[in-house]
């Protein structure tokens, strides 16, 4: 329930426009399906298409719009495994590539295992050993910011990789 309220609180004006227009198209297609109910196959196809547009359009549209409006890059500069503590120190940077200033960015570092198999490496990215997130505030457009993560406790002794991702507003 907390994730839903957080999602709703973080919506911007463009999200409301997207969801409102998709809802309007959905309602129009449902009415069209009702009007064409004498032609059952066409009516069912239109109503099915309306539901597909509602679900896929809102999900894909939201993701694509936020990737365009809040474009950024993250990169790992260096990483160091500490010997006396069970931790990793990761130095990274985030760069604002959008035309807007970022109010906040949630940057997530994920540590995942590595194997000799490319397919297994791809699947291991979905189940990280550990992950850590930090929030950076007020990143102006065109600027970059250096970030330091301390991932602890980290007891994994074999080979690993670290990936970064950022969700900005």
N, C-alpha and C. Protein backbone atom coordinates (compact mmCIF):
# COMPACT_ATOMS: atom_id res chain seq x y z
N UNK A 1 0.82 -1.20 0.00
CA UNK A 1 0.00 0.00 0.00
C UNK A 1 0.86 1.25 0.00
N UNK A 2 2.01 1.17 0.67
CA UNK A 2 2.90 2.32 0.74
C UNK A 2 3.50 2.65 -0.63
N UNK A 3 3.78 1.61 -1.43
CA UNK A 3 4.33 1.84 -2.76
C UNK A 3 3.32 2.54 -3.67
N UNK A 4 2.06 2.19 -3.51
CA UNK A 4 1.01 2.81 -4.34
C UNK A 4 0.86 4.29 -4.01
N UNK A 5 0.84 4.62 -2.72
CA UNK A 5 0.71 6.04 -2.35
C UNK A 5 1.95 6.83 -2.76
N UNK A 6 3.13 6.22 -2.66
CA UNK A 6 4.35 6.89 -3.12
C UNK A 6 4.29 7.14 -4.62
N UNK A 7 3.83 6.13 -5.38
CA UNK A 7 3.71 6.29 -6.83
C UNK A 7 2.75 7.43 -7.18
N UNK A 8 1.61 7.48 -6.53
CA UNK A 8 0.61 8.52 -6.80
C UNK A 8 1.14 9.89 -6.41
N UNK A 9 1.85 9.98 -5.30
CA UNK A 9 2.39 11.27 -4.87
C UNK A 9 3.48 11.80 -5.79
N UNK A 10 4.18 10.91 -6.51
CA UNK A 10 5.27 11.32 -7.39
C UNK A 10 4.84 11.55 -8.83
N UNK A 11 3.55 11.44 -9.12
CA UNK A 11 3.08 11.70 -10.48
C UNK A 11 3.25 13.18 -10.83
N UNK A 12 3.58 13.42 -12.09
CA UNK A 12 3.73 14.80 -12.58
C UNK A 12 2.59 15.09 -13.54
N UNK A 13 2.51 16.33 -14.02
CA UNK A 13 1.42 16.75 -14.89
C UNK A 13 1.33 15.89 -16.15
N UNK A 14 2.49 15.55 -16.73
CA UNK A 14 2.49 14.75 -17.95
C UNK A 14 1.91 13.36 -17.72
N UNK A 15 2.10 12.82 -16.53
CA UNK A 15 1.52 11.51 -16.20
C UNK A 15 -0.01 11.58 -16.20
N UNK A 16 -0.54 12.64 -15.61
CA UNK A 16 -2.00 12.80 -15.59
C UNK A 16 -2.55 12.97 -17.00
N UNK A 17 -1.85 13.70 -17.85
CA UNK A 17 -2.29 13.87 -19.24
C UNK A 17 -2.27 12.52 -19.96
N UNK A 18 -1.20 11.75 -19.77
CA UNK A 18 -1.10 10.43 -20.40
C UNK A 18 -2.22 9.50 -19.94
N UNK A 19 -2.39 9.37 -18.62
CA UNK A 19 -3.41 8.46 -18.10
C UNK A 19 -4.82 8.93 -18.44
N UNK A 20 -5.04 10.24 -18.42
CA UNK A 20 -6.36 10.77 -18.77
C UNK A 20 -6.71 10.53 -20.23
N UNK A 21 -5.74 10.75 -21.13
CA UNK A 21 -6.03 10.52 -22.55
C UNK A 21 -6.22 9.04 -22.84
N UNK A 22 -5.47 8.17 -22.19
CA UNK A 22 -5.67 6.73 -22.39
C UNK A 22 -7.02 6.27 -21.84
N UNK A 23 -7.45 6.85 -20.73
CA UNK A 23 -8.76 6.53 -20.19
C UNK A 23 -9.87 7.00 -21.13
N UNK A 24 -9.69 8.17 -21.74
CA UNK A 24 -10.66 8.69 -22.70
C UNK A 24 -10.74 7.78 -23.93
N UNK A 25 -9.60 7.35 -24.46
CA UNK A 25 -9.59 6.43 -25.60
C UNK A 25 -10.24 5.10 -25.22
N UNK A 26 -9.97 4.63 -24.01
CA UNK A 26 -10.58 3.39 -23.53
C UNK A 26 -12.10 3.50 -23.50
N UNK A 27 -12.60 4.60 -22.93
CA UNK A 27 -14.06 4.80 -22.84
C UNK A 27 -14.68 4.91 -24.22
N UNK A 28 -14.03 5.63 -25.13
CA UNK A 28 -14.55 5.77 -26.50
C UNK A 28 -14.60 4.42 -27.21
N UNK A 29 -13.57 3.59 -27.04
CA UNK A 29 -13.58 2.27 -27.68
C UNK A 29 -14.61 1.35 -27.06
N UNK A 30 -14.84 1.45 -25.77
CA UNK A 30 -15.89 0.65 -25.13
C UNK A 30 -17.26 1.05 -25.67
N UNK A 31 -17.50 2.37 -25.78
CA UNK A 31 -18.78 2.83 -26.36
C UNK A 31 -18.92 2.38 -27.81
N UNK A 32 -17.83 2.40 -28.57
CA UNK A 32 -17.88 1.93 -29.95
C UNK A 32 -18.21 0.45 -29.99
N UNK A 33 -17.64 -0.33 -29.06
CA UNK A 33 -17.95 -1.76 -28.98
C UNK A 33 -19.41 -2.00 -28.61
N UNK A 34 -19.96 -1.15 -27.73
CA UNK A 34 -21.37 -1.28 -27.36
C UNK A 34 -22.27 -0.93 -28.53
N UNK A 35 -21.91 0.12 -29.26
CA UNK A 35 -22.70 0.53 -30.43
C UNK A 35 -22.70 -0.58 -31.49
N UNK A 36 -21.55 -1.24 -31.68
CA UNK A 36 -21.44 -2.29 -32.69
C UNK A 36 -21.73 -3.68 -32.12
N UNK A 37 -22.56 -3.78 -31.10
CA UNK A 37 -22.83 -5.07 -30.47
C UNK A 37 -23.58 -6.03 -31.39
N UNK A 38 -24.23 -5.51 -32.42
CA UNK A 38 -24.91 -6.42 -33.35
C UNK A 38 -23.89 -7.22 -34.17
N UNK A 39 -22.72 -6.67 -34.36
CA UNK A 39 -21.62 -7.39 -35.02
C UNK A 39 -20.68 -7.87 -33.93
N UNK A 40 -20.99 -9.04 -33.40
CA UNK A 40 -20.34 -9.53 -32.19
C UNK A 40 -18.82 -9.63 -32.31
N UNK A 41 -18.33 -10.17 -33.38
CA UNK A 41 -16.88 -10.39 -33.53
C UNK A 41 -16.13 -9.05 -33.51
N UNK A 42 -16.65 -8.07 -34.23
CA UNK A 42 -16.00 -6.75 -34.27
C UNK A 42 -16.10 -6.07 -32.91
N UNK A 43 -17.25 -6.17 -32.25
CA UNK A 43 -17.44 -5.54 -30.94
C UNK A 43 -16.48 -6.14 -29.90
N UNK A 44 -16.37 -7.46 -29.88
CA UNK A 44 -15.47 -8.11 -28.92
C UNK A 44 -14.02 -7.73 -29.22
N UNK A 45 -13.65 -7.66 -30.48
CA UNK A 45 -12.30 -7.27 -30.87
C UNK A 45 -11.99 -5.83 -30.44
N UNK A 46 -12.92 -4.93 -30.62
CA UNK A 46 -12.72 -3.53 -30.22
C UNK A 46 -12.60 -3.41 -28.70
N UNK A 47 -13.44 -4.12 -27.96
CA UNK A 47 -13.37 -4.07 -26.49
C UNK A 47 -12.06 -4.69 -26.00
N UNK A 48 -11.64 -5.77 -26.60
CA UNK A 48 -10.35 -6.38 -26.25
C UNK A 48 -9.21 -5.41 -26.54
N UNK A 49 -9.27 -4.75 -27.69
CA UNK A 49 -8.25 -3.77 -28.08
C UNK A 49 -8.25 -2.59 -27.10
N UNK A 50 -9.43 -2.20 -26.60
CA UNK A 50 -9.52 -1.11 -25.62
C UNK A 50 -8.78 -1.47 -24.34
N UNK A 51 -8.95 -2.70 -23.86
CA UNK A 51 -8.25 -3.12 -22.65
C UNK A 51 -6.74 -3.22 -22.87
N UNK A 52 -6.34 -3.69 -24.04
CA UNK A 52 -4.91 -3.76 -24.37
C UNK A 52 -4.31 -2.36 -24.38
N UNK A 53 -4.99 -1.41 -24.99
CA UNK A 53 -4.50 -0.02 -25.03
C UNK A 53 -4.40 0.54 -23.62
N UNK A 54 -5.38 0.27 -22.79
CA UNK A 54 -5.37 0.80 -21.42
C UNK A 54 -4.17 0.27 -20.62
N UNK A 55 -3.92 -1.02 -20.68
CA UNK A 55 -2.86 -1.62 -19.87
C UNK A 55 -1.48 -1.35 -20.48
N UNK A 56 -1.30 -1.70 -21.75
CA UNK A 56 0.00 -1.56 -22.39
C UNK A 56 0.35 -0.09 -22.61
N UNK A 57 -0.61 0.70 -23.01
CA UNK A 57 -0.36 2.12 -23.26
C UNK A 57 0.06 2.87 -22.03
N UNK A 58 -0.60 2.60 -20.91
CA UNK A 58 -0.23 3.31 -19.69
C UNK A 58 1.13 2.87 -19.17
N UNK A 59 1.41 1.58 -19.22
CA UNK A 59 2.70 1.08 -18.73
C UNK A 59 3.84 1.53 -19.63
N UNK A 60 3.74 1.25 -20.92
CA UNK A 60 4.80 1.59 -21.86
C UNK A 60 4.95 3.11 -21.98
N UNK A 61 3.83 3.82 -22.02
CA UNK A 61 3.88 5.27 -22.12
C UNK A 61 4.54 5.92 -20.92
N UNK A 62 4.23 5.43 -19.72
CA UNK A 62 4.84 5.97 -18.50
C UNK A 62 6.35 5.76 -18.51
N UNK A 63 6.78 4.54 -18.86
CA UNK A 63 8.21 4.23 -18.87
C UNK A 63 8.94 5.07 -19.90
N UNK A 64 8.41 5.12 -21.13
CA UNK A 64 9.07 5.87 -22.20
C UNK A 64 9.10 7.36 -21.91
N UNK A 65 8.02 7.89 -21.37
CA UNK A 65 7.95 9.33 -21.09
C UNK A 65 8.97 9.70 -20.01
N UNK A 66 9.10 8.89 -18.98
CA UNK A 66 10.05 9.20 -17.92
C UNK A 66 11.49 9.01 -18.36
N UNK A 67 11.73 8.06 -19.28
CA UNK A 67 13.08 7.92 -19.81
C UNK A 67 13.45 9.13 -20.66
N UNK A 68 12.49 9.72 -21.34
CA UNK A 68 12.75 10.91 -22.16
C UNK A 68 12.88 12.16 -21.30
N UNK A 69 11.95 12.36 -20.37
CA UNK A 69 11.95 13.59 -19.56
C UNK A 69 13.09 13.63 -18.55
N UNK A 70 13.47 12.49 -18.01
CA UNK A 70 14.47 12.44 -16.94
C UNK A 70 15.66 11.58 -17.34
N UNK A 71 16.21 11.86 -18.52
CA UNK A 71 17.32 11.08 -19.05
C UNK A 71 18.58 11.34 -18.24
N UNK A 72 19.27 10.25 -17.87
CA UNK A 72 20.50 10.37 -17.10
C UNK A 72 21.41 9.20 -17.41
N UNK A 73 22.66 9.35 -17.02
CA UNK A 73 23.61 8.24 -17.13
C UNK A 73 24.28 8.05 -15.77
N UNK A 74 24.55 6.80 -15.46
CA UNK A 74 25.29 6.48 -14.25
C UNK A 74 26.47 5.62 -14.64
N UNK A 75 27.58 5.79 -13.94
CA UNK A 75 28.75 4.97 -14.23
C UNK A 75 29.55 4.75 -12.95
N UNK A 76 30.15 3.58 -12.89
CA UNK A 76 31.01 3.24 -11.76
C UNK A 76 32.41 3.76 -12.08
N UNK A 77 32.95 4.59 -11.21
CA UNK A 77 34.31 5.11 -11.41
C UNK A 77 35.32 4.11 -10.86
N UNK A 78 35.11 3.67 -9.64
CA UNK A 78 35.99 2.66 -9.05
C UNK A 78 35.25 1.94 -7.93
N UNK A 79 35.82 0.80 -7.57
CA UNK A 79 35.26 0.02 -6.47
C UNK A 79 36.42 -0.59 -5.69
N UNK A 80 36.21 -0.71 -4.40
CA UNK A 80 37.26 -1.27 -3.55
C UNK A 80 36.62 -2.12 -2.47
N UNK A 81 37.12 -3.33 -2.36
CA UNK A 81 36.64 -4.22 -1.30
C UNK A 81 37.51 -3.99 -0.07
N UNK A 82 36.90 -3.68 1.02
CA UNK A 82 37.63 -3.42 2.25
C UNK A 82 38.08 -4.73 2.88
N UNK A 83 39.29 -4.73 3.44
CA UNK A 83 39.84 -5.98 3.97
C UNK A 83 39.47 -6.20 5.42
N UNK A 84 39.36 -5.15 6.21
CA UNK A 84 39.10 -5.32 7.64
C UNK A 84 37.61 -5.29 7.99
N UNK A 85 36.81 -4.85 7.08
CA UNK A 85 35.36 -4.86 7.28
C UNK A 85 34.72 -5.60 6.11
N UNK A 86 33.55 -6.11 6.35
CA UNK A 86 32.83 -6.81 5.29
C UNK A 86 32.01 -5.79 4.52
N UNK A 87 32.69 -5.06 3.62
CA UNK A 87 32.02 -4.00 2.88
C UNK A 87 32.76 -3.73 1.56
N UNK A 88 32.02 -3.08 0.66
CA UNK A 88 32.58 -2.60 -0.61
C UNK A 88 32.32 -1.11 -0.68
N UNK A 89 33.31 -0.35 -1.13
CA UNK A 89 33.15 1.07 -1.36
C UNK A 89 33.10 1.27 -2.87
N UNK A 90 32.03 1.89 -3.35
CA UNK A 90 31.84 2.13 -4.77
C UNK A 90 31.79 3.64 -5.01
N UNK A 91 32.66 4.11 -5.88
CA UNK A 91 32.65 5.51 -6.30
C UNK A 91 31.99 5.55 -7.67
N UNK A 92 31.00 6.40 -7.82
CA UNK A 92 30.23 6.46 -9.06
C UNK A 92 29.89 7.91 -9.37
N UNK A 93 29.27 8.09 -10.54
CA UNK A 93 28.80 9.43 -10.90
C UNK A 93 27.47 9.31 -11.63
N UNK A 94 26.67 10.35 -11.49
CA UNK A 94 25.41 10.46 -12.22
C UNK A 94 25.45 11.78 -12.97
N UNK A 95 24.97 11.73 -14.21
CA UNK A 95 24.95 12.94 -15.04
C UNK A 95 23.53 13.18 -15.53
N UNK A 96 23.08 14.41 -15.41
CA UNK A 96 21.75 14.82 -15.86
C UNK A 96 21.84 15.18 -17.34
N UNK A 97 21.24 14.38 -18.20
CA UNK A 97 21.25 14.61 -19.65
C UNK A 97 19.94 15.20 -20.16
N UNK A 98 18.99 15.45 -19.28
CA UNK A 98 17.69 15.93 -19.72
C UNK A 98 17.70 17.45 -19.83
N UNK A 99 16.56 18.00 -20.24
CA UNK A 99 16.40 19.44 -20.35
C UNK A 99 15.79 20.03 -19.09
N UNK A 100 15.61 19.19 -18.06
CA UNK A 100 15.01 19.61 -16.80
C UNK A 100 16.00 19.43 -15.66
N UNK A 101 15.81 20.21 -14.61
CA UNK A 101 16.56 19.99 -13.38
C UNK A 101 15.93 18.85 -12.62
N UNK A 102 16.75 18.02 -12.01
CA UNK A 102 16.24 16.91 -11.20
C UNK A 102 16.03 17.40 -9.78
N UNK A 103 14.83 17.16 -9.26
CA UNK A 103 14.57 17.47 -7.85
C UNK A 103 15.17 16.40 -6.95
N UNK A 104 15.03 15.14 -7.38
CA UNK A 104 15.63 14.04 -6.61
C UNK A 104 15.91 12.87 -7.53
N UNK A 105 16.94 12.13 -7.19
CA UNK A 105 17.31 10.92 -7.93
C UNK A 105 17.57 9.79 -6.94
N UNK A 106 16.91 8.68 -7.18
CA UNK A 106 17.17 7.49 -6.38
C UNK A 106 18.14 6.64 -7.17
N UNK A 107 19.38 6.54 -6.68
CA UNK A 107 20.42 5.80 -7.36
C UNK A 107 20.59 4.48 -6.64
N UNK A 108 20.54 3.38 -7.40
CA UNK A 108 20.61 2.04 -6.83
C UNK A 108 21.83 1.31 -7.37
N UNK A 109 22.62 0.77 -6.46
CA UNK A 109 23.76 -0.08 -6.83
C UNK A 109 23.37 -1.52 -6.50
N UNK A 110 23.55 -2.39 -7.49
CA UNK A 110 23.24 -3.81 -7.30
C UNK A 110 24.51 -4.62 -7.51
N UNK A 111 24.75 -5.55 -6.61
CA UNK A 111 25.88 -6.45 -6.72
C UNK A 111 25.34 -7.82 -7.06
N UNK A 112 25.87 -8.40 -8.16
CA UNK A 112 25.39 -9.71 -8.56
C UNK A 112 26.56 -10.62 -8.93
N UNK A 113 26.28 -11.93 -8.81
CA UNK A 113 27.31 -12.93 -9.09
C UNK A 113 27.64 -12.98 -10.58
N UNK A 114 28.81 -13.53 -10.88
CA UNK A 114 29.25 -13.70 -12.26
C UNK A 114 29.60 -15.17 -12.45
N UNK A 115 29.18 -15.70 -13.60
CA UNK A 115 29.55 -17.07 -13.95
C UNK A 115 30.19 -17.04 -15.34
N UNK A 116 30.61 -18.18 -15.81
CA UNK A 116 31.23 -18.26 -17.12
C UNK A 116 30.23 -18.31 -18.27
N UNK A 117 28.95 -18.46 -17.96
CA UNK A 117 27.90 -18.62 -18.95
C UNK A 117 27.18 -17.28 -19.15
N UNK A 118 27.09 -16.81 -20.40
CA UNK A 118 26.45 -15.51 -20.69
C UNK A 118 24.96 -15.51 -20.33
N UNK A 119 24.26 -16.60 -20.62
CA UNK A 119 22.83 -16.68 -20.31
C UNK A 119 22.62 -16.66 -18.80
N UNK A 120 23.44 -17.39 -18.08
CA UNK A 120 23.33 -17.41 -16.63
C UNK A 120 23.67 -16.03 -16.05
N UNK A 121 24.67 -15.34 -16.62
CA UNK A 121 24.99 -13.99 -16.17
C UNK A 121 23.80 -13.05 -16.35
N UNK A 122 23.10 -13.19 -17.46
CA UNK A 122 21.92 -12.37 -17.71
C UNK A 122 20.85 -12.64 -16.66
N UNK A 123 20.62 -13.91 -16.34
CA UNK A 123 19.61 -14.27 -15.35
C UNK A 123 20.02 -13.86 -13.93
N UNK A 124 21.31 -13.90 -13.63
CA UNK A 124 21.78 -13.53 -12.29
C UNK A 124 21.59 -12.03 -12.01
N UNK A 125 21.48 -11.22 -13.05
CA UNK A 125 21.23 -9.79 -12.85
C UNK A 125 19.87 -9.52 -12.22
N UNK A 126 18.93 -10.46 -12.38
CA UNK A 126 17.59 -10.29 -11.82
C UNK A 126 17.53 -10.66 -10.34
N UNK A 127 18.57 -11.33 -9.84
CA UNK A 127 18.61 -11.70 -8.43
C UNK A 127 19.94 -11.26 -7.84
N UNK A 128 20.04 -9.98 -7.48
CA UNK A 128 21.33 -9.50 -6.95
C UNK A 128 21.63 -10.08 -5.57
N UNK A 129 22.92 -10.14 -5.27
CA UNK A 129 23.36 -10.58 -3.95
C UNK A 129 22.88 -9.57 -2.91
N UNK A 130 23.13 -8.31 -3.20
CA UNK A 130 22.69 -7.23 -2.33
C UNK A 130 22.48 -5.98 -3.17
N UNK A 131 21.72 -5.05 -2.65
CA UNK A 131 21.55 -3.78 -3.34
C UNK A 131 21.40 -2.68 -2.31
N UNK A 132 21.77 -1.49 -2.74
CA UNK A 132 21.70 -0.34 -1.86
C UNK A 132 21.28 0.86 -2.67
N UNK A 133 20.46 1.70 -2.07
CA UNK A 133 19.98 2.90 -2.75
C UNK A 133 20.28 4.13 -1.91
N UNK A 134 20.57 5.21 -2.63
CA UNK A 134 20.70 6.51 -1.97
C UNK A 134 19.90 7.52 -2.79
N UNK A 135 19.57 8.63 -2.17
CA UNK A 135 18.82 9.67 -2.86
C UNK A 135 19.68 10.93 -2.90
N UNK A 136 19.85 11.47 -4.09
CA UNK A 136 20.56 12.73 -4.30
C UNK A 136 19.53 13.78 -4.71
N UNK A 137 19.67 14.98 -4.17
CA UNK A 137 18.70 16.05 -4.44
C UNK A 137 19.33 17.14 -5.29
N UNK A 138 18.48 17.80 -6.07
CA UNK A 138 18.83 19.02 -6.82
C UNK A 138 20.06 18.86 -7.70
N UNK A 139 19.88 18.15 -8.81
CA UNK A 139 20.94 18.03 -9.81
C UNK A 139 20.53 18.87 -11.02
N UNK A 140 21.20 19.98 -11.29
CA UNK A 140 20.84 20.85 -12.41
C UNK A 140 21.09 20.16 -13.76
N UNK A 141 20.42 20.64 -14.80
CA UNK A 141 20.59 20.04 -16.13
C UNK A 141 22.02 20.23 -16.61
N UNK A 142 22.54 19.18 -17.24
CA UNK A 142 23.90 19.20 -17.76
C UNK A 142 24.98 18.98 -16.71
N UNK A 143 24.63 18.85 -15.46
CA UNK A 143 25.62 18.68 -14.40
C UNK A 143 25.79 17.20 -14.04
N UNK A 144 26.92 16.92 -13.41
CA UNK A 144 27.13 15.57 -12.90
C UNK A 144 27.50 15.65 -11.43
N UNK A 145 27.24 14.56 -10.74
CA UNK A 145 27.52 14.52 -9.32
C UNK A 145 28.22 13.21 -8.98
N UNK A 146 29.26 13.30 -8.17
CA UNK A 146 29.96 12.12 -7.70
C UNK A 146 29.25 11.54 -6.49
N UNK A 147 29.22 10.22 -6.45
CA UNK A 147 28.47 9.51 -5.41
C UNK A 147 29.38 8.46 -4.79
N UNK A 148 29.21 8.22 -3.51
CA UNK A 148 29.96 7.18 -2.82
C UNK A 148 28.98 6.25 -2.12
N UNK A 149 29.06 4.97 -2.46
CA UNK A 149 28.25 3.93 -1.83
C UNK A 149 29.15 3.11 -0.92
N UNK A 150 28.65 2.77 0.23
CA UNK A 150 29.31 1.77 1.08
C UNK A 150 28.30 0.65 1.27
N UNK A 151 28.59 -0.45 0.59
CA UNK A 151 27.66 -1.59 0.62
C UNK A 151 28.16 -2.56 1.69
N UNK A 152 27.35 -2.67 2.74
CA UNK A 152 27.71 -3.58 3.82
C UNK A 152 26.46 -4.20 4.41
N UNK A 153 26.47 -5.32 4.98
CA UNK A 153 27.58 -6.26 5.03
C UNK A 153 27.70 -6.99 3.69
N UNK A 154 28.90 -7.26 3.27
CA UNK A 154 29.14 -7.96 2.02
C UNK A 154 30.11 -9.10 2.30
N UNK A 155 29.57 -10.32 2.31
CA UNK A 155 30.37 -11.49 2.68
C UNK A 155 30.68 -12.39 1.50
N UNK A 156 30.21 -12.05 0.32
CA UNK A 156 30.42 -12.90 -0.85
C UNK A 156 31.90 -12.87 -1.23
N UNK A 157 32.52 -14.03 -1.41
CA UNK A 157 33.97 -14.08 -1.63
C UNK A 157 34.38 -14.34 -3.07
N UNK A 158 33.43 -14.69 -3.94
CA UNK A 158 33.78 -15.01 -5.32
C UNK A 158 33.67 -13.78 -6.21
N UNK A 159 33.72 -13.99 -7.53
CA UNK A 159 33.69 -12.90 -8.49
C UNK A 159 32.30 -12.28 -8.56
N UNK A 160 32.23 -10.97 -8.69
CA UNK A 160 30.96 -10.24 -8.72
C UNK A 160 31.08 -9.03 -9.64
N UNK A 161 29.94 -8.49 -10.02
CA UNK A 161 29.87 -7.24 -10.79
C UNK A 161 28.93 -6.29 -10.07
N UNK A 162 29.11 -5.01 -10.35
CA UNK A 162 28.26 -3.99 -9.76
C UNK A 162 27.62 -3.21 -10.90
N UNK A 163 26.30 -3.03 -10.81
CA UNK A 163 25.59 -2.22 -11.80
C UNK A 163 24.87 -1.08 -11.09
N UNK A 164 24.73 0.03 -11.79
CA UNK A 164 24.06 1.21 -11.25
C UNK A 164 22.85 1.54 -12.09
N UNK A 165 21.85 2.10 -11.44
CA UNK A 165 20.67 2.60 -12.13
C UNK A 165 20.14 3.78 -11.35
N UNK A 166 19.43 4.68 -12.05
CA UNK A 166 18.90 5.86 -11.37
C UNK A 166 17.50 6.15 -11.88
N UNK A 167 16.66 6.52 -10.94
CA UNK A 167 15.30 6.96 -11.24
C UNK A 167 15.18 8.39 -10.72
N UNK A 168 15.00 9.32 -11.64
CA UNK A 168 15.02 10.73 -11.25
C UNK A 168 13.66 11.38 -11.48
N UNK A 169 13.44 12.47 -10.77
CA UNK A 169 12.21 13.26 -10.89
C UNK A 169 12.59 14.71 -10.99
